[in-house]
Protein backbone atom coordinates (compact mmCIF):
# COMPACT_ATOMS: atom_id res chain seq x y z
CA MET A 1 -0.13 -0.07 0.25
CA GLN A 2 2.79 2.66 0.53
CA LYS A 3 4.50 1.49 -2.55
CA TYR A 4 1.19 2.57 -4.22
CA GLY A 5 0.91 5.40 -1.95
CA LEU A 6 4.33 6.82 -3.28
CA ILE A 7 3.46 6.50 -6.77
CA ARG A 8 0.14 8.17 -6.08
CA SER A 9 1.80 11.17 -4.29
CA GLY A 10 3.98 11.91 -7.51
CA ILE A 11 1.37 12.11 -10.00
CA TYR A 12 1.03 16.15 -9.35
CA PRO A 13 4.74 16.72 -9.05
CA ALA A 14 5.25 14.62 -12.53
CA LEU A 15 2.18 16.28 -14.33
CA PHE A 16 4.09 20.00 -13.10
CA LEU A 17 7.05 18.96 -14.24
CA ILE A 18 5.83 18.00 -17.67
CA LEU A 19 4.38 21.23 -17.95
CA LEU A 20 7.94 22.96 -17.52
CA TRP A 21 9.21 20.24 -20.11
CA PHE A 22 6.30 21.61 -22.68
CA ILE A 23 6.88 24.86 -21.93
CA LYS A 24 11.02 24.76 -23.07
CA ILE A 25 10.03 22.24 -25.99
CA GLY A 26 7.63 24.96 -27.17
CA GLU A 27 10.14 27.64 -26.62
CA PHE A 28 12.82 25.67 -28.56
CA TYR A 29 10.41 24.52 -31.89
CA LEU A 30 9.08 28.78 -31.97
CA HIS A 31 12.47 29.61 -31.86
CA GLN A 32 11.66 32.14 -29.01
CA ASP A 33 13.55 33.03 -25.99
CA TRP A 34 10.60 33.67 -22.90
CA TYR A 35 13.48 34.48 -20.65
CA SER A 36 11.61 38.24 -20.34
CA TRP A 37 8.85 36.25 -18.37
CA GLY A 38 11.27 36.04 -15.40
CA ILE A 39 11.72 38.19 -12.36
CA LEU A 40 12.88 41.55 -13.10
CA PRO A 41 13.51 42.89 -9.18
CA ARG A 42 11.75 45.92 -8.48
CA SER A 43 10.21 46.78 -11.89
CA ILE A 44 6.24 46.93 -12.82
CA SER A 45 6.96 44.37 -15.62
CA GLY A 46 8.77 42.05 -13.78
CA LEU A 47 6.01 41.65 -11.29
CA LYS A 48 4.79 38.97 -13.99
CA GLY A 49 7.74 37.07 -13.07
CA ILE A 50 6.54 36.04 -9.80
CA LEU A 51 4.07 33.87 -11.97
CA PHE A 52 5.99 32.89 -14.56
CA SER A 53 9.19 32.51 -13.69
CA PRO A 54 9.57 28.92 -12.18
CA LEU A 55 8.27 27.78 -15.34
CA ILE A 56 11.11 29.50 -17.67
CA HIS A 57 14.27 28.03 -17.52
CA GLY A 58 17.60 29.31 -20.21
CA SER A 59 18.41 25.56 -21.30
CA PHE A 60 17.32 22.10 -21.46
CA ASN A 61 20.37 21.66 -19.37
CA HIS A 62 19.15 24.01 -17.10
CA LEU A 63 15.78 22.27 -16.92
CA LEU A 64 17.04 18.92 -16.47
CA SER A 65 19.38 19.78 -13.32
CA ASN A 66 16.43 20.92 -11.49
CA SER A 67 13.96 18.00 -12.73
CA GLY A 68 15.48 15.11 -10.64
CA PRO A 69 15.69 16.89 -6.97
CA LEU A 70 11.69 19.27 -8.19
CA ILE A 71 9.88 16.09 -8.48
CA ILE A 72 11.82 13.57 -5.77
CA LEU A 73 11.35 16.63 -3.06
CA LEU A 74 7.87 17.88 -4.46
CA THR A 75 6.78 14.13 -4.29
CA ALA A 76 8.03 13.44 -0.67
CA ILE A 77 6.34 16.60 0.72
CA VAL A 78 2.85 15.22 -0.72
CA TYR A 79 3.82 11.70 0.55
CA PHE A 80 4.45 12.50 4.02
CA TYR A 81 2.87 16.00 4.43
CA LYS A 82 -0.23 15.59 2.10
CA LYS A 83 -2.95 17.49 4.12
CA ILE A 84 -0.66 20.97 3.76
CA ALA A 85 1.44 20.10 0.70
CA LEU A 86 -0.46 22.20 -2.00
CA LYS A 87 -0.27 24.79 0.85
CA ILE A 88 3.64 24.31 0.71
CA PHE A 89 4.04 24.37 -2.83
CA LEU A 90 1.71 27.48 -3.32
CA PHE A 91 3.56 29.83 -0.62
CA SER A 92 7.10 28.54 -2.11
CA TYR A 93 6.26 30.05 -5.60
CA LEU A 94 4.60 33.09 -4.34
CA PHE A 95 7.00 33.83 -1.65
CA VAL A 96 10.20 33.07 -3.27
CA GLY A 97 9.02 35.38 -6.12
CA LEU A 98 8.19 38.24 -4.07
CA TRP A 99 11.59 38.28 -2.06
CA VAL A 100 13.39 37.82 -5.21
CA TRP A 101 11.57 40.65 -6.96
CA VAL A 102 12.46 42.89 -3.68
CA LEU A 103 15.80 42.28 -3.06
CA ALA A 104 17.53 40.57 -5.84
CA ARG A 105 20.02 41.85 -8.36
CA GLU A 106 18.64 43.80 -11.25
CA SER A 107 18.52 41.28 -13.51
CA TYR A 108 16.20 38.36 -15.09
CA HIS A 109 15.72 35.61 -12.78
CA ILE A 110 14.21 32.39 -14.10
CA GLY A 111 13.89 28.63 -13.51
CA ALA A 112 12.15 26.94 -10.60
CA SER A 113 15.36 26.27 -8.04
CA GLY A 114 13.84 28.76 -6.09
CA LEU A 115 11.03 26.20 -5.36
CA ILE A 116 13.48 23.49 -5.04
CA TYR A 117 15.69 25.09 -2.67
CA SER A 118 12.21 25.84 -0.50
CA PHE A 119 11.32 22.24 -0.69
CA PHE A 120 14.68 21.48 0.57
CA GLY A 121 14.72 23.65 3.63
CA PHE A 122 11.27 22.62 4.28
CA LEU A 123 11.60 18.71 4.56
CA LEU A 124 15.40 19.55 6.19
CA PHE A 125 13.69 21.33 9.22
CA ILE A 126 10.72 19.86 9.87
CA GLY A 127 11.88 17.01 10.86
CA ILE A 128 14.17 18.67 13.68
CA LEU A 129 11.04 20.69 14.82
CA ARG A 130 8.71 17.83 14.74
CA LYS A 131 11.05 15.48 17.06
CA GLN A 132 10.18 12.56 15.54
CA LYS A 133 12.19 9.49 15.09
CA ALA A 134 10.63 9.31 11.49
CA MET A 135 10.61 12.87 10.54
CA LEU A 136 14.15 13.43 11.49
CA ALA A 137 15.06 10.54 9.26
CA ILE A 138 13.52 12.33 6.94
CA SER A 139 15.48 15.11 7.15
CA LEU A 140 18.61 13.01 7.46
CA ILE A 141 18.04 11.40 4.11
CA THR A 142 17.54 15.04 2.48
CA ILE A 143 20.83 16.19 3.86
CA LEU A 144 22.61 12.57 2.50
CA PHE A 145 21.08 13.29 -0.93
CA TYR A 146 20.79 16.70 -1.16
CA GLY A 147 23.07 18.81 1.34
CA SER A 148 25.13 19.93 -1.23
CA LEU A 149 22.58 22.33 -2.28
CA ILE A 150 23.39 24.56 0.37
CA TRP A 151 26.33 25.81 -1.30
CA GLY A 152 23.96 27.29 -3.70
CA VAL A 153 22.86 29.76 -1.17
CA LEU A 154 25.93 31.43 -1.92
CA PRO A 155 27.47 33.73 -4.96
CA GLN A 156 29.10 31.88 -7.05
CA SER A 157 28.47 32.43 -11.12
CA PRO A 158 26.69 35.76 -12.14
CA HIS A 159 24.40 33.98 -14.55
CA VAL A 160 23.28 31.73 -11.44
CA SER A 161 20.18 33.20 -9.69
CA TRP A 162 21.54 32.39 -5.73
CA GLU A 163 19.34 34.99 -4.73
CA SER A 164 16.39 32.58 -5.50
CA HIS A 165 18.21 30.03 -3.47
CA LEU A 166 18.65 31.95 -0.77
CA PHE A 167 15.18 33.47 -0.46
CA GLY A 168 14.01 30.07 -1.67
CA PHE A 169 15.46 28.36 1.52
CA PHE A 170 14.43 30.59 4.05
CA THR A 171 10.92 30.60 2.66
CA GLY A 172 11.20 26.37 3.52
CA ILE A 173 12.67 26.89 6.78
CA ILE A 174 9.68 29.84 7.83
CA LEU A 175 7.18 26.95 6.06
CA ALA A 176 8.52 24.48 8.43
CA TYR A 177 8.43 26.35 11.48
CA TYR A 178 4.50 27.87 10.56
CA PHE A 179 3.66 24.38 9.50
CA LYS A 180 5.66 22.42 12.38
CA GLU A 181 2.14 21.56 14.33
CA ASN A 182 0.79 19.44 11.54
CA LYS A 183 1.76 15.79 12.07
CA SER A 184 2.81 13.13 9.38
CA PRO A 185 0.30 9.89 9.18
CA PHE A 186 4.05 8.88 9.71
CA GLU A 187 4.85 9.80 12.71
CA LYS A 188 4.49 7.84 15.71
CA ASP A 189 2.86 8.99 19.16
CA ASN A 190 5.92 8.89 21.07
CA PRO A 191 8.09 11.71 20.50
CA ILE A 192 12.10 11.80 20.86
CA ILE A 193 12.98 13.46 24.64
CA ASN A 194 15.99 13.96 25.78
CA ASP A 195 17.52 11.28 28.68
CA ASP A 196 16.88 14.52 31.08
CA GLN A 197 13.38 14.67 30.52
CA LYS A 198 13.35 10.20 30.53
CA TYR A 199 14.95 10.21 33.85
CA LYS A 200 12.90 12.57 35.33
CA ASN A 201 9.92 10.87 34.24
CA ASP A 202 11.11 7.56 35.22
CA PHE A 203 11.91 9.02 38.61
CA TRP A 204 7.97 10.75 39.17
CA ASN A 205 6.50 7.24 38.13
CA ASP A 206 8.61 5.45 40.40
CA VAL A 207 6.78 7.93 43.27
CA ILE A 208 3.61 7.50 42.07
CA GLU A 209 4.08 3.59 42.17
CA LYS A 210 5.56 3.79 45.79
């Protein structure tokens, strides 16, 4: 059952990814460059990029490099946090774009990497905040496979929107904190407690029993 649940969780992420490829292929066959639909910070015309920039990619290699992390991280969010997955997606989509428009360099910013970093930040910190073994395991797995993403929040290439990475990562952390009370169906009822708390609980249980 968990196998089929995982497959179903990947349906909407896969459809979103297909949309991105459909747009890129359309751009290629029409011999056009749609980068101007990206975010141009602090420009009225650039506001449309908040809605369209995650859909536009500079090259097939750009889209290909985003495809794997995007579908894996978003599928994980849908699978483990189905009830709030749509909110995580929409808030990430809008908030990252807004922050880039307000604070980023005056250049066109395109691509879905801001979403990827938001999903990464959310999965990384939600387990820590929930203090549940199952969710901490997801955080550790996220670090294991995508921990190298953290270097993307630093300025490297002038052609890479590190601002989208940085604001995406911060957005994911904020969303993890905001939704930290939302329980995943995979969590057990016994949260992780430290040794001091365990000792105190055992002590008072002994007192009550005596």
